[in-house]
Amino acid sequence: MKAIVIDDDPLVAVCVTQYLEPLFDHVLVATSFLAAVDVLRAHPRVSLAIVNFQLDGGHTASELVHLFGGVGRLVLTSGNPERIPDDLTHRASKVLTKPFELAELDIFLP
């Protein structure tokens, strides 16, 4: 099973990645919008995607959705979840408001 963490805050990305590593065969990480595009093109199918909505350069998770070939569960994170468009919110399994506790991810873990 594969998971991906996309967050332009390297500390958040590392913490979430380390939390997931014991539970997934592969945990991919991207700490910028462009890195996320590259990773998603190479690995479009993942069991779990944890994606910060607002990314660097004014980009958002909305711009990445078309790159997901198949995502078991999409978890969005945001300091301002009210800024997430309804269509993306409905696609997500959960929206977590930053800061969040890592334990809040447990319901999505294998």
N, C-alpha and C. Protein backbone atom coordinates (compact mmCIF):
# COMPACT_ATOMS: atom_id res chain seq x y z
N MET A 1 0.85 -1.18 0.00
CA MET A 1 0.00 0.00 0.00
C MET A 1 0.89 1.24 0.00
N LYS A 2 0.40 2.26 -0.70
CA LYS A 2 1.15 3.48 -0.89
C LYS A 2 0.35 4.66 -0.35
N ALA A 3 1.06 5.61 0.28
CA ALA A 3 0.45 6.85 0.74
C ALA A 3 1.29 8.00 0.22
N ILE A 4 0.67 9.17 0.13
CA ILE A 4 1.40 10.37 -0.25
C ILE A 4 1.05 11.50 0.69
N VAL A 5 2.06 12.28 1.06
CA VAL A 5 1.89 13.46 1.90
C VAL A 5 2.35 14.65 1.07
N ILE A 6 1.45 15.63 0.90
CA ILE A 6 1.78 16.84 0.15
C ILE A 6 1.52 18.03 1.06
N ASP A 7 2.61 18.69 1.45
CA ASP A 7 2.50 19.86 2.31
C ASP A 7 3.73 20.72 2.10
N ASP A 8 3.54 22.01 1.88
CA ASP A 8 4.68 22.89 1.64
C ASP A 8 5.38 23.32 2.94
N ASP A 9 4.90 22.86 4.06
CA ASP A 9 5.59 23.05 5.34
C ASP A 9 6.41 21.78 5.59
N PRO A 10 7.73 21.84 5.42
CA PRO A 10 8.55 20.63 5.55
C PRO A 10 8.41 19.94 6.91
N LEU A 11 8.22 20.69 7.98
CA LEU A 11 8.07 20.08 9.30
C LEU A 11 6.80 19.24 9.37
N VAL A 12 5.71 19.75 8.86
CA VAL A 12 4.45 18.99 8.83
C VAL A 12 4.62 17.75 7.96
N ALA A 13 5.22 17.94 6.77
CA ALA A 13 5.40 16.81 5.85
C ALA A 13 6.23 15.70 6.49
N VAL A 14 7.31 16.06 7.17
CA VAL A 14 8.17 15.06 7.81
C VAL A 14 7.43 14.35 8.96
N CYS A 15 6.76 15.10 9.79
CA CYS A 15 6.03 14.51 10.93
C CYS A 15 4.96 13.53 10.46
N VAL A 16 4.16 13.94 9.49
CA VAL A 16 3.10 13.07 8.99
C VAL A 16 3.69 11.85 8.29
N THR A 17 4.75 12.05 7.51
CA THR A 17 5.40 10.94 6.83
C THR A 17 5.94 9.92 7.83
N GLN A 18 6.61 10.38 8.86
CA GLN A 18 7.15 9.46 9.87
C GLN A 18 6.03 8.72 10.60
N TYR A 19 4.90 9.37 10.78
CA TYR A 19 3.76 8.72 11.43
C TYR A 19 3.20 7.59 10.56
N LEU A 20 3.21 7.79 9.24
CA LEU A 20 2.63 6.81 8.33
C LEU A 20 3.58 5.68 7.94
N GLU A 21 4.89 5.92 7.97
CA GLU A 21 5.86 4.96 7.45
C GLU A 21 5.72 3.54 8.01
N PRO A 22 5.47 3.34 9.29
CA PRO A 22 5.35 1.97 9.79
C PRO A 22 4.12 1.22 9.26
N LEU A 23 3.18 1.95 8.67
CA LEU A 23 1.90 1.36 8.29
C LEU A 23 1.71 1.15 6.80
N PHE A 24 2.58 1.73 5.99
CA PHE A 24 2.46 1.64 4.54
C PHE A 24 3.76 1.10 3.94
N ASP A 25 3.64 0.41 2.81
CA ASP A 25 4.83 -0.08 2.12
C ASP A 25 5.69 1.07 1.62
N HIS A 26 5.03 2.09 1.11
CA HIS A 26 5.72 3.27 0.58
C HIS A 26 4.96 4.52 1.00
N VAL A 27 5.71 5.51 1.50
CA VAL A 27 5.12 6.82 1.78
C VAL A 27 5.90 7.84 0.95
N LEU A 28 5.21 8.43 0.01
CA LEU A 28 5.80 9.44 -0.86
C LEU A 28 5.56 10.81 -0.24
N VAL A 29 6.47 11.73 -0.47
CA VAL A 29 6.32 13.06 0.12
C VAL A 29 6.70 14.12 -0.91
N ALA A 30 5.93 15.20 -0.90
CA ALA A 30 6.22 16.36 -1.76
C ALA A 30 6.04 17.61 -0.90
N THR A 31 7.05 18.48 -0.93
CA THR A 31 6.98 19.70 -0.11
C THR A 31 6.84 20.96 -0.96
N SER A 32 6.44 20.79 -2.20
CA SER A 32 6.12 21.95 -3.05
C SER A 32 5.10 21.50 -4.09
N PHE A 33 4.45 22.48 -4.69
CA PHE A 33 3.47 22.17 -5.72
C PHE A 33 4.12 21.42 -6.88
N LEU A 34 5.24 21.91 -7.36
CA LEU A 34 5.89 21.27 -8.51
C LEU A 34 6.37 19.86 -8.18
N ALA A 35 6.87 19.66 -6.97
CA ALA A 35 7.27 18.31 -6.56
C ALA A 35 6.05 17.40 -6.51
N ALA A 36 4.93 17.93 -6.04
CA ALA A 36 3.69 17.13 -5.98
C ALA A 36 3.25 16.70 -7.37
N VAL A 37 3.35 17.61 -8.34
CA VAL A 37 2.98 17.27 -9.72
C VAL A 37 3.85 16.13 -10.22
N ASP A 38 5.16 16.21 -9.99
CA ASP A 38 6.08 15.16 -10.44
C ASP A 38 5.78 13.82 -9.77
N VAL A 39 5.57 13.85 -8.46
CA VAL A 39 5.31 12.60 -7.72
C VAL A 39 3.99 11.98 -8.16
N LEU A 40 2.96 12.80 -8.32
CA LEU A 40 1.66 12.27 -8.72
C LEU A 40 1.66 11.72 -10.14
N ARG A 41 2.43 12.33 -11.01
CA ARG A 41 2.53 11.79 -12.38
C ARG A 41 3.21 10.42 -12.37
N ALA A 42 4.18 10.26 -11.49
CA ALA A 42 4.91 8.99 -11.40
C ALA A 42 4.13 7.94 -10.60
N HIS A 43 3.29 8.39 -9.66
CA HIS A 43 2.56 7.47 -8.76
C HIS A 43 1.12 7.94 -8.61
N PRO A 44 0.28 7.80 -9.64
CA PRO A 44 -1.08 8.34 -9.56
C PRO A 44 -2.03 7.54 -8.66
N ARG A 45 -1.67 6.32 -8.32
CA ARG A 45 -2.56 5.49 -7.50
C ARG A 45 -1.97 5.29 -6.10
N VAL A 46 -2.70 5.80 -5.12
CA VAL A 46 -2.29 5.66 -3.73
C VAL A 46 -3.50 5.30 -2.86
N SER A 47 -3.22 4.63 -1.76
CA SER A 47 -4.30 4.26 -0.85
C SER A 47 -4.79 5.45 -0.02
N LEU A 48 -3.83 6.34 0.31
CA LEU A 48 -4.15 7.48 1.15
C LEU A 48 -3.36 8.69 0.67
N ALA A 49 -4.03 9.81 0.50
CA ALA A 49 -3.37 11.08 0.17
C ALA A 49 -3.73 12.09 1.23
N ILE A 50 -2.71 12.66 1.86
CA ILE A 50 -2.91 13.72 2.84
C ILE A 50 -2.32 14.98 2.22
N VAL A 51 -3.20 15.92 1.89
CA VAL A 51 -2.80 17.07 1.07
C VAL A 51 -3.21 18.37 1.75
N ASN A 52 -2.22 19.25 1.93
CA ASN A 52 -2.53 20.59 2.41
C ASN A 52 -3.20 21.35 1.27
N PHE A 53 -4.29 22.04 1.57
CA PHE A 53 -5.03 22.73 0.51
C PHE A 53 -4.22 23.86 -0.12
N GLN A 54 -3.70 24.76 0.71
CA GLN A 54 -2.95 25.92 0.20
C GLN A 54 -1.48 25.55 0.09
N LEU A 55 -0.96 25.59 -1.13
CA LEU A 55 0.43 25.22 -1.38
C LEU A 55 1.24 26.45 -1.80
N ASP A 56 2.52 26.25 -1.98
CA ASP A 56 3.42 27.34 -2.34
C ASP A 56 3.05 27.97 -3.68
N GLY A 57 3.48 29.22 -3.87
CA GLY A 57 3.26 29.90 -5.14
C GLY A 57 1.81 30.22 -5.44
N GLY A 58 0.95 30.19 -4.42
CA GLY A 58 -0.46 30.47 -4.64
C GLY A 58 -1.25 29.31 -5.21
N HIS A 59 -0.60 28.15 -5.35
CA HIS A 59 -1.28 26.96 -5.87
C HIS A 59 -2.12 26.33 -4.77
N THR A 60 -3.12 25.54 -5.21
CA THR A 60 -3.97 24.84 -4.25
C THR A 60 -4.11 23.37 -4.65
N ALA A 61 -4.63 22.61 -3.72
CA ALA A 61 -4.88 21.18 -3.98
C ALA A 61 -5.85 20.98 -5.13
N SER A 62 -6.71 21.96 -5.38
CA SER A 62 -7.66 21.84 -6.49
C SER A 62 -6.95 21.62 -7.81
N GLU A 63 -5.75 22.17 -7.95
CA GLU A 63 -4.98 22.03 -9.19
C GLU A 63 -4.35 20.64 -9.33
N LEU A 64 -4.31 19.88 -8.24
CA LEU A 64 -3.69 18.55 -8.26
C LEU A 64 -4.68 17.42 -8.47
N VAL A 65 -5.95 17.68 -8.24
CA VAL A 65 -6.96 16.62 -8.24
C VAL A 65 -6.97 15.81 -9.53
N HIS A 66 -6.78 16.47 -10.66
CA HIS A 66 -6.82 15.75 -11.94
C HIS A 66 -5.65 14.78 -12.10
N LEU A 67 -4.62 14.90 -11.28
CA LEU A 67 -3.47 14.01 -11.37
C LEU A 67 -3.65 12.71 -10.58
N PHE A 68 -4.65 12.69 -9.72
CA PHE A 68 -4.90 11.47 -8.95
C PHE A 68 -5.61 10.46 -9.84
N GLY A 69 -4.91 9.38 -10.18
CA GLY A 69 -5.52 8.33 -10.99
C GLY A 69 -6.46 7.48 -10.16
N GLY A 70 -6.13 7.33 -8.92
CA GLY A 70 -6.96 6.55 -8.02
C GLY A 70 -6.47 6.75 -6.60
N VAL A 71 -7.31 7.33 -5.78
CA VAL A 71 -6.96 7.57 -4.39
C VAL A 71 -8.00 6.88 -3.53
N GLY A 72 -7.54 6.00 -2.66
CA GLY A 72 -8.47 5.34 -1.76
C GLY A 72 -9.17 6.35 -0.87
N ARG A 73 -8.35 7.19 -0.21
CA ARG A 73 -8.92 8.22 0.68
C ARG A 73 -8.11 9.49 0.54
N LEU A 74 -8.81 10.60 0.45
CA LEU A 74 -8.19 11.91 0.36
C LEU A 74 -8.49 12.66 1.65
N VAL A 75 -7.43 13.08 2.34
CA VAL A 75 -7.57 13.89 3.54
C VAL A 75 -6.95 15.24 3.23
N LEU A 76 -7.73 16.30 3.37
CA LEU A 76 -7.24 17.65 3.14
C LEU A 76 -6.93 18.30 4.47
N THR A 77 -5.86 19.10 4.49
CA THR A 77 -5.54 19.88 5.69
C THR A 77 -5.51 21.35 5.30
N SER A 78 -5.85 22.20 6.26
CA SER A 78 -5.85 23.63 5.97
C SER A 78 -5.95 24.42 7.27
N GLY A 79 -5.26 25.55 7.29
CA GLY A 79 -5.42 26.48 8.40
C GLY A 79 -6.72 27.26 8.27
N ASN A 80 -7.27 27.30 7.06
CA ASN A 80 -8.52 28.01 6.76
C ASN A 80 -9.42 27.11 5.94
N PRO A 81 -10.03 26.08 6.54
CA PRO A 81 -10.81 25.13 5.76
C PRO A 81 -12.01 25.73 5.05
N GLU A 82 -12.48 26.89 5.49
CA GLU A 82 -13.62 27.52 4.81
C GLU A 82 -13.23 28.01 3.41
N ARG A 83 -11.95 28.06 3.09
CA ARG A 83 -11.48 28.47 1.76
C ARG A 83 -11.47 27.33 0.75
N ILE A 84 -11.70 26.11 1.22
CA ILE A 84 -11.69 24.95 0.33
C ILE A 84 -13.02 24.90 -0.43
N PRO A 85 -12.97 24.83 -1.76
CA PRO A 85 -14.22 24.78 -2.53
C PRO A 85 -15.06 23.54 -2.18
N ASP A 86 -16.37 23.70 -2.26
CA ASP A 86 -17.28 22.61 -1.91
C ASP A 86 -17.03 21.33 -2.70
N ASP A 87 -16.74 21.46 -4.00
CA ASP A 87 -16.53 20.25 -4.80
C ASP A 87 -15.34 19.44 -4.30
N LEU A 88 -14.31 20.11 -3.82
CA LEU A 88 -13.14 19.41 -3.29
C LEU A 88 -13.43 18.87 -1.89
N THR A 89 -14.15 19.63 -1.10
CA THR A 89 -14.53 19.17 0.24
C THR A 89 -15.35 17.89 0.15
N HIS A 90 -16.25 17.82 -0.80
CA HIS A 90 -17.10 16.63 -0.96
C HIS A 90 -16.30 15.42 -1.42
N ARG A 91 -15.23 15.66 -2.15
CA ARG A 91 -14.39 14.56 -2.62
C ARG A 91 -13.52 13.99 -1.49
N ALA A 92 -13.23 14.82 -0.50
CA ALA A 92 -12.35 14.42 0.59
C ALA A 92 -13.06 13.51 1.59
N SER A 93 -12.30 12.56 2.13
CA SER A 93 -12.83 11.73 3.21
C SER A 93 -12.93 12.53 4.50
N LYS A 94 -12.03 13.52 4.63
CA LYS A 94 -11.99 14.33 5.84
C LYS A 94 -11.23 15.61 5.54
N VAL A 95 -11.60 16.69 6.22
CA VAL A 95 -10.86 17.93 6.20
C VAL A 95 -10.39 18.18 7.63
N LEU A 96 -9.07 18.27 7.80
CA LEU A 96 -8.49 18.53 9.12
C LEU A 96 -8.02 19.97 9.19
N THR A 97 -8.40 20.65 10.26
CA THR A 97 -7.96 22.03 10.47
C THR A 97 -6.60 22.03 11.15
N LYS A 98 -5.67 22.78 10.57
CA LYS A 98 -4.34 22.91 11.16
C LYS A 98 -4.41 23.89 12.33
N PRO A 99 -3.68 23.64 13.39
CA PRO A 99 -2.89 22.44 13.63
C PRO A 99 -3.79 21.28 14.02
N PHE A 100 -3.38 20.08 13.61
CA PHE A 100 -4.15 18.89 13.96
C PHE A 100 -3.24 17.91 14.68
N GLU A 101 -3.86 17.00 15.39
CA GLU A 101 -3.12 15.94 16.09
C GLU A 101 -2.93 14.78 15.12
N LEU A 102 -1.75 14.17 15.13
CA LEU A 102 -1.51 13.04 14.24
C LEU A 102 -2.51 11.91 14.48
N ALA A 103 -2.95 11.76 15.70
CA ALA A 103 -3.92 10.71 16.02
C ALA A 103 -5.22 10.88 15.26
N GLU A 104 -5.51 12.08 14.77
CA GLU A 104 -6.73 12.31 13.98
C GLU A 104 -6.68 11.55 12.66
N LEU A 105 -5.50 11.12 12.25
CA LEU A 105 -5.34 10.35 11.01
C LEU A 105 -5.64 8.86 11.21
N ASP A 106 -5.72 8.42 12.43
CA ASP A 106 -5.84 6.98 12.73
C ASP A 106 -7.02 6.31 12.04
N ILE A 107 -8.13 6.99 11.86
CA ILE A 107 -9.29 6.35 11.25
C ILE A 107 -9.06 6.03 9.77
N PHE A 108 -8.02 6.60 9.18
CA PHE A 108 -7.72 6.37 7.77
C PHE A 108 -6.60 5.35 7.55
N LEU A 109 -6.06 4.84 8.63
CA LEU A 109 -4.89 3.97 8.53
C LEU A 109 -5.29 2.51 8.42
N PRO A 110 -4.41 1.72 7.75
CA PRO A 110 -4.73 0.29 7.58
C PRO A 110 -4.69 -0.45 8.90
